[in-house]
């Protein structure tokens, strides 16, 4: 049997490098790594004979038409946000261009990365994502809608990561730090206040290593038709560990730093609305919708255990340990007062 050829876009990112590393260690597939800056490829050896770099912008897919026509599997992690024009060009237009250049006789599977933020609890698209979403949310929702109606849908698995951890807070890992891991040190700065507040909200998280396991498994096993009822030909997978509450997350962080538990003041919905009105806070329509929605949990969820694996970070404690977040706190005595 011939070796599989797998394309990973956004290959220099956190999820991209964890996934490429998993495939190099657990498969014999050849990898095409599409990225803009090869200097950011800290966890992957570009001289590996199984690795070929495609250096360029996702909006310039014609530069790699020859290579794309030979691809058997795609793991499309690349994305853009911030600038509305660029978000549309990368998150919608470039995806269409990429698909056109793939040889459908060679292509077996297309793994498309979206975000769990555009789905409701039952994994159905939120209408509000189209109405109120940021440029990132709206373009992700629109692209999913178009993919579901595209002939490539039966070969497509849409991946919806929840909150993603990965790398180290101090940047010492070969893997890039995710935005959430980078934010842990800032979260600690507000822990002295947050531990006194009770927040009625639930959320999921997932480590990039566990995303890599799932994507690696999917891209190295036979692609099967989607049998999930109500989803159509395109399969949807929310990648997550079981949900926790914000209060549990705050208590876990406090325990990590050696702080005692404190009584909590309930942050009721009406109180949140008052604070929004009296404080100099600018909120978008999507922000207001998210605050009103409060809970961000989904069912079913998918993680390595669904495929016979063991999660790299099943709990928030394991995430903190993996992140290298310090347990020391020079201001502990002052904060405990």
Protein backbone atom coordinates (compact mmCIF):
# COMPACT_ATOMS: atom_id res chain seq x y z
CA UNK A 1 0.00 0.00 0.00
CA UNK A 2 1.21 3.50 -0.81
CA UNK A 3 1.97 5.96 1.95
CA UNK A 4 -0.64 8.58 2.72
CA UNK A 5 0.13 12.24 2.07
CA UNK A 6 -1.39 14.61 4.64
CA UNK A 7 -1.61 18.38 4.28
CA UNK A 8 -1.68 20.49 7.47
CA UNK A 9 -2.47 24.18 7.08
CA UNK A 10 -1.54 26.58 9.86
CA UNK A 11 1.28 24.15 10.55
CA UNK A 12 3.36 26.58 12.63
CA UNK A 13 0.52 27.18 15.09
CA UNK A 14 -0.03 25.45 18.40
CA UNK A 15 -2.51 22.82 17.17
CA UNK A 16 -0.71 22.45 13.85
CA UNK A 17 2.63 21.56 15.45
CA UNK A 18 1.12 19.19 18.02
CA UNK A 19 -0.72 17.41 15.19
CA UNK A 20 2.30 17.22 12.90
CA UNK A 21 4.40 15.84 15.77
CA UNK A 22 1.78 13.17 16.54
CA UNK A 23 1.67 12.05 12.92
CA UNK A 24 5.45 11.85 12.65
CA UNK A 25 5.60 9.71 15.79
CA UNK A 26 2.55 7.51 15.20
CA UNK A 27 2.25 7.05 11.44
CA UNK A 28 4.36 6.69 8.32
CA UNK A 29 2.47 9.39 6.42
CA UNK A 30 4.30 12.07 4.47
CA UNK A 31 3.41 15.58 5.60
CA UNK A 32 2.93 18.78 3.65
CA UNK A 33 3.16 21.60 6.19
CA UNK A 34 1.69 24.86 4.95
CA UNK A 35 2.91 27.87 6.94
CA UNK A 36 4.02 31.45 6.51
CA UNK A 37 7.07 31.56 8.79
CA UNK A 38 9.26 28.43 9.01
CA UNK A 39 11.20 30.02 11.88
CA UNK A 40 8.18 29.36 14.11
CA UNK A 41 8.39 25.60 13.52
CA UNK A 42 10.01 24.76 16.86
CA UNK A 43 8.66 21.25 17.45
CA UNK A 44 9.16 19.84 13.95
CA UNK A 45 12.43 19.16 12.17
CA UNK A 46 11.98 20.54 8.63
CA UNK A 47 14.84 18.34 7.40
CA UNK A 48 12.85 15.19 8.18
CA UNK A 49 12.53 13.34 4.84
CA UNK A 50 8.80 12.87 5.48
CA UNK A 51 8.25 16.62 5.78
CA UNK A 52 7.86 19.15 2.99
CA UNK A 53 7.23 22.80 3.77
CA UNK A 54 4.83 24.90 1.72
CA UNK A 55 5.88 28.42 2.68
CA UNK A 56 3.29 31.02 1.78
CA UNK A 57 -0.01 32.67 2.60
CA UNK A 58 -3.18 30.58 2.52
CA UNK A 59 -4.58 33.11 0.07
CA UNK A 60 -1.90 32.09 -2.45
CA UNK A 61 -2.93 28.47 -2.94
CA UNK A 62 -2.16 28.57 -6.68
CA UNK A 63 1.53 28.59 -5.77
CA UNK A 64 1.14 25.00 -4.58
CA UNK A 65 -1.35 23.63 -7.09
CA UNK A 66 0.95 20.76 -8.05
CA UNK A 67 1.46 19.62 -4.44
CA UNK A 68 -2.19 20.03 -3.46
CA UNK A 69 -3.31 17.77 -6.30
CA UNK A 70 -1.42 14.86 -4.69
CA UNK A 71 -2.92 15.15 -1.20
CA UNK A 72 -4.93 12.29 0.32
CA UNK A 73 -5.93 13.92 3.61
CA UNK A 74 -6.24 17.54 4.75
CA UNK A 75 -6.15 18.93 8.30
CA UNK A 76 -7.14 22.55 7.86
CA UNK A 77 -6.29 24.46 11.06
CA UNK A 78 -5.36 27.84 9.56
CA UNK A 79 -7.62 30.75 10.42
CA UNK A 80 -7.71 34.53 10.74
CA UNK A 81 -9.44 37.08 12.94
CA UNK A 82 -9.26 40.75 13.84
CA UNK A 83 -9.46 42.33 10.40
CA UNK A 84 -12.86 41.68 8.72
CA UNK A 85 -11.43 41.73 5.18
CA UNK A 86 -8.64 39.29 5.99
CA UNK A 87 -11.01 37.08 7.98
CA UNK A 88 -13.28 36.71 4.95
CA UNK A 89 -10.36 36.10 2.58
CA UNK A 90 -8.76 33.42 4.78
CA UNK A 91 -11.76 31.81 6.49
CA UNK A 92 -14.05 31.57 3.46
CA UNK A 93 -12.48 32.51 0.13
CA UNK A 94 -9.17 30.69 0.68
CA UNK A 95 -10.97 27.54 1.82
CA UNK A 96 -12.92 27.48 -1.44
CA UNK A 97 -9.72 27.96 -3.44
CA UNK A 98 -7.98 25.18 -1.54
CA UNK A 99 -10.81 22.72 -2.14
CA UNK A 100 -10.84 23.49 -5.88
CA UNK A 101 -7.16 22.55 -6.14
CA UNK A 102 -7.59 19.20 -4.39
CA UNK A 103 -7.88 16.17 -6.63
CA UNK A 104 -11.15 14.57 -5.56
CA UNK A 105 -9.99 11.24 -6.95
CA UNK A 106 -7.03 11.34 -4.55
CA UNK A 107 -8.70 13.04 -1.58
CA UNK A 108 -10.07 10.71 1.08
CA UNK A 109 -10.77 13.11 3.94
CA UNK A 110 -11.00 16.84 4.72
CA UNK A 111 -10.73 17.79 8.41
CA UNK A 112 -11.92 21.35 8.83
CA UNK A 113 -11.30 23.36 12.01
CA UNK A 114 -14.04 25.67 13.20
CA UNK A 115 -14.93 26.78 16.74
CA UNK A 116 -17.41 25.41 19.28
CA UNK A 117 -18.60 28.98 19.85
CA UNK A 118 -20.86 28.78 16.78
CA UNK A 119 -22.73 25.68 18.04
CA UNK A 120 -25.50 25.24 20.58
CA UNK A 121 -25.54 22.52 23.23
CA UNK A 122 -26.74 19.89 20.74
CA UNK A 123 -24.03 20.74 18.16
CA UNK A 124 -26.37 22.64 15.87
CA UNK A 125 -25.27 25.99 14.39
CA UNK A 126 -26.40 29.04 16.35
CA UNK A 127 -28.45 31.54 14.32
CA UNK A 128 -26.96 34.25 16.53
CA UNK A 129 -23.51 33.46 15.14
CA UNK A 130 -24.65 34.91 11.80
CA UNK A 131 -26.53 37.83 13.37
CA UNK A 132 -24.22 39.03 16.14
CA UNK A 133 -20.90 37.28 15.65
CA UNK A 134 -17.54 38.95 15.28
CA UNK A 135 -15.84 38.73 11.88
CA UNK A 136 -14.23 35.48 13.06
CA UNK A 137 -17.48 33.94 14.31
CA UNK A 138 -19.49 34.98 11.26
CA UNK A 139 -16.95 33.71 8.75
CA UNK A 140 -16.65 30.38 10.58
CA UNK A 141 -20.43 30.00 10.64
CA UNK A 142 -20.71 30.91 6.96
CA UNK A 143 -17.93 28.54 5.90
CA UNK A 144 -19.53 25.65 7.79
CA UNK A 145 -22.84 26.39 6.11
CA UNK A 146 -21.21 26.31 2.68
CA UNK A 147 -19.24 23.14 3.39
CA UNK A 148 -22.40 21.32 4.45
CA UNK A 149 -23.87 22.03 1.02
CA UNK A 150 -20.65 21.29 -0.89
CA UNK A 151 -19.97 18.00 -2.74
CA UNK A 152 -16.96 17.53 -0.41
CA UNK A 153 -19.29 17.22 2.61
CA UNK A 154 -19.26 13.37 2.75
CA UNK A 155 -15.45 13.48 3.06
CA UNK A 156 -15.49 16.28 5.61
CA UNK A 157 -15.18 16.18 9.40
CA UNK A 158 -15.76 19.55 11.03
CA UNK A 159 -13.74 19.92 14.23
CA UNK A 160 -15.01 22.33 16.89
CA UNK A 161 -12.39 22.85 19.59
CA UNK A 162 -13.49 24.37 22.87
CA UNK A 163 -11.00 26.38 24.98
CA UNK A 164 -7.53 25.22 23.89
CA UNK A 165 -4.50 24.87 26.16
CA UNK A 166 -1.01 24.01 24.93
CA UNK A 167 2.66 24.86 25.30
CA UNK A 168 4.23 26.49 28.38
CA UNK A 169 3.45 29.80 30.06
CA UNK A 170 7.14 30.75 30.00
CA UNK A 171 7.64 29.83 26.34
CA UNK A 172 10.17 27.09 27.10
CA UNK A 173 8.27 24.37 25.23
CA UNK A 174 9.19 23.49 21.66
CA UNK A 175 5.48 23.83 20.96
CA UNK A 176 3.90 27.29 20.70
CA UNK A 177 1.76 28.40 23.62
CA UNK A 178 -1.95 28.70 22.96
CA UNK A 179 -3.66 32.00 23.70
CA UNK A 180 -5.38 30.42 26.68
CA UNK A 181 -2.15 29.10 28.17
CA UNK A 182 -0.55 32.51 27.64
CA UNK A 183 -3.47 34.01 29.55
CA UNK A 184 -2.98 31.90 32.68
CA UNK A 185 -0.48 34.32 34.22
CA UNK A 186 -2.89 37.22 33.65
CA UNK A 187 -5.71 35.19 35.18
CA UNK A 188 -3.60 34.71 38.31
CA UNK A 189 -3.28 38.49 38.62
CA UNK A 190 -7.06 38.72 39.13
CA UNK A 191 -7.42 35.62 41.27
CA UNK A 192 -7.44 37.65 44.49
CA UNK A 193 -10.76 39.18 43.36
CA UNK A 194 -12.25 36.34 41.35
CA UNK A 195 -12.15 33.89 44.27
CA UNK A 196 -14.75 36.01 46.10
CA UNK A 197 -17.26 35.89 43.22
CA UNK A 198 -19.63 33.04 42.31
CA UNK A 199 -20.26 32.83 38.58
CA UNK A 200 -23.04 30.69 37.17
CA UNK A 201 -21.38 29.39 34.02
CA UNK A 202 -20.07 26.11 32.56
CA UNK A 203 -17.45 25.54 29.90
CA UNK A 204 -15.25 22.88 28.27
CA UNK A 205 -11.54 22.84 27.53
CA UNK A 206 -9.15 20.64 25.57
CA UNK A 207 -5.38 20.36 25.34
CA UNK A 208 -3.73 20.69 21.92
CA UNK A 209 -2.04 17.30 22.44
CA UNK A 210 -5.49 15.72 22.74
CA UNK A 211 -6.69 17.52 19.63
CA UNK A 212 -3.64 16.09 17.88
CA UNK A 213 -4.51 12.58 19.04
CA UNK A 214 -8.06 12.81 17.69
CA UNK A 215 -7.02 14.36 14.37
CA UNK A 216 -4.15 11.91 14.06
CA UNK A 217 -6.45 8.96 14.64
CA UNK A 218 -9.03 10.26 12.16
CA UNK A 219 -6.45 10.94 9.46
CA UNK A 220 -4.77 7.53 9.73
CA UNK A 221 -7.87 5.33 9.79
CA UNK A 222 -10.45 4.69 7.06
CA UNK A 223 -12.86 7.58 6.60
CA UNK A 224 -16.41 6.46 7.35
CA UNK A 225 -19.74 8.03 6.33
CA UNK A 226 -21.37 10.18 8.99
CA UNK A 227 -23.99 8.22 10.91
CA UNK A 228 -24.93 10.92 13.42
CA UNK A 229 -28.63 11.70 13.14
CA UNK A 230 -29.54 15.25 12.18
CA UNK A 231 -26.06 16.20 10.96
CA UNK A 232 -26.24 15.40 7.27
CA UNK A 233 -23.23 14.17 5.32
CA UNK A 234 -20.72 16.38 7.14
CA UNK A 235 -19.67 15.04 10.54
CA UNK A 236 -19.38 17.45 13.52
CA UNK A 237 -17.09 16.75 16.46
CA UNK A 238 -16.77 19.03 19.48
CA UNK A 239 -13.35 18.38 21.01
CA UNK A 240 -13.57 18.76 24.77
CA UNK A 241 -13.14 17.30 28.20
CA UNK A 242 -16.22 17.10 30.48
CA UNK A 243 -17.39 20.58 31.38
CA UNK A 244 -16.46 22.36 34.57
CA UNK A 245 -17.84 25.54 36.12
CA UNK A 246 -16.01 28.84 36.31
CA UNK A 247 -16.20 28.50 40.10
CA UNK A 248 -14.41 25.15 39.90
CA UNK A 249 -11.77 26.69 37.66
CA UNK A 250 -11.20 29.57 40.09
CA UNK A 251 -11.01 27.20 43.07
CA UNK A 252 -8.53 25.00 41.17
CA UNK A 253 -6.31 28.00 40.42
CA UNK A 254 -6.54 29.16 44.04
CA UNK A 255 -5.60 25.71 45.32
CA UNK A 256 -2.72 25.59 42.83
CA UNK A 257 -1.36 28.80 44.34
CA UNK A 258 -1.99 27.63 47.92
CA UNK A 259 -4.83 30.01 48.67
CA UNK A 260 -7.69 29.06 50.93
CA UNK A 261 -11.29 28.89 49.72
CA UNK A 262 -13.40 31.93 50.49
CA UNK A 263 -17.12 32.74 50.71
CA UNK A 264 -18.45 33.86 47.35
CA UNK A 265 -20.75 36.68 46.34
CA UNK A 266 -23.23 35.47 43.70
CA UNK A 267 -22.87 37.35 40.44
CA UNK A 268 -26.55 37.29 39.43
CA UNK A 269 -27.62 38.17 35.90
CA UNK A 270 -29.30 41.40 37.01
CA UNK A 271 -26.11 42.44 38.81
CA UNK A 272 -24.06 41.78 35.66
CA UNK A 273 -26.40 44.02 33.67
CA UNK A 274 -26.05 46.82 36.22
CA UNK A 275 -22.25 46.56 36.18
CA UNK A 276 -22.25 46.71 32.39
CA UNK A 277 -24.28 49.92 32.50
CA UNK A 278 -22.30 51.74 35.17
CA UNK A 279 -18.77 50.61 34.28
CA UNK A 280 -16.86 51.90 31.22
CA UNK A 281 -17.15 48.57 29.40
CA UNK A 282 -17.68 48.36 25.65
CA UNK A 283 -19.44 45.18 24.60
CA UNK A 284 -20.27 43.94 21.13
CA UNK A 285 -23.59 42.29 20.30
CA UNK A 286 -21.78 38.95 20.38
CA UNK A 287 -20.38 39.73 23.85
CA UNK A 288 -23.87 40.52 25.13
CA UNK A 289 -25.28 37.34 23.60
CA UNK A 290 -22.50 35.25 25.18
CA UNK A 291 -23.10 36.81 28.59
CA UNK A 292 -26.82 36.13 28.29
CA UNK A 293 -26.21 32.54 27.17
CA UNK A 294 -23.94 31.94 30.19
CA UNK A 295 -23.32 28.20 29.73
CA UNK A 296 -21.03 26.85 27.01
CA UNK A 297 -21.41 23.09 27.29
CA UNK A 298 -22.07 20.60 24.51
CA UNK A 299 -23.14 16.98 24.05
CA UNK A 300 -21.77 14.77 22.74
CA UNK A 301 -18.11 15.67 23.16
CA UNK A 302 -15.07 13.94 21.70
CA UNK A 303 -11.60 13.33 23.18
CA UNK A 304 -8.91 10.61 22.95
CA UNK A 305 -10.92 8.23 25.12
CA UNK A 306 -13.52 7.97 22.33
CA UNK A 307 -10.87 6.25 20.22
CA UNK A 308 -9.23 4.07 22.86
CA UNK A 309 -6.64 6.64 23.87
CA UNK A 310 -5.72 8.39 27.10
CA UNK A 311 -5.99 12.17 27.34
CA UNK A 312 -2.81 14.15 27.85
CA UNK A 313 -4.69 16.56 30.14
CA UNK A 314 -8.06 15.31 31.35
CA UNK A 315 -8.43 17.76 34.24
CA UNK A 316 -7.61 21.40 34.80
CA UNK A 317 -5.01 20.35 37.37
CA UNK A 318 -3.23 18.35 34.67
CA UNK A 319 -3.43 21.37 32.34
CA UNK A 320 -1.80 23.60 34.96
CA UNK A 321 0.92 21.04 35.62
CA UNK A 322 1.64 20.71 31.91
CA UNK A 323 1.66 24.50 31.42
CA UNK A 324 4.48 25.04 33.91
CA UNK A 325 2.46 27.64 35.82
CA UNK A 326 4.34 28.46 38.99
CA UNK A 327 2.85 27.51 42.34
CA UNK A 328 4.88 30.17 44.14
CA UNK A 329 3.27 33.45 45.08
CA UNK A 330 5.23 36.25 46.65
CA UNK A 331 2.03 38.15 47.42
CA UNK A 332 0.24 35.23 49.04
CA UNK A 333 0.36 36.66 52.57
CA UNK A 334 -1.03 40.00 51.43
CA UNK A 335 -3.78 38.37 49.35
CA UNK A 336 -4.92 36.14 52.19
CA UNK A 337 -5.64 39.08 54.47
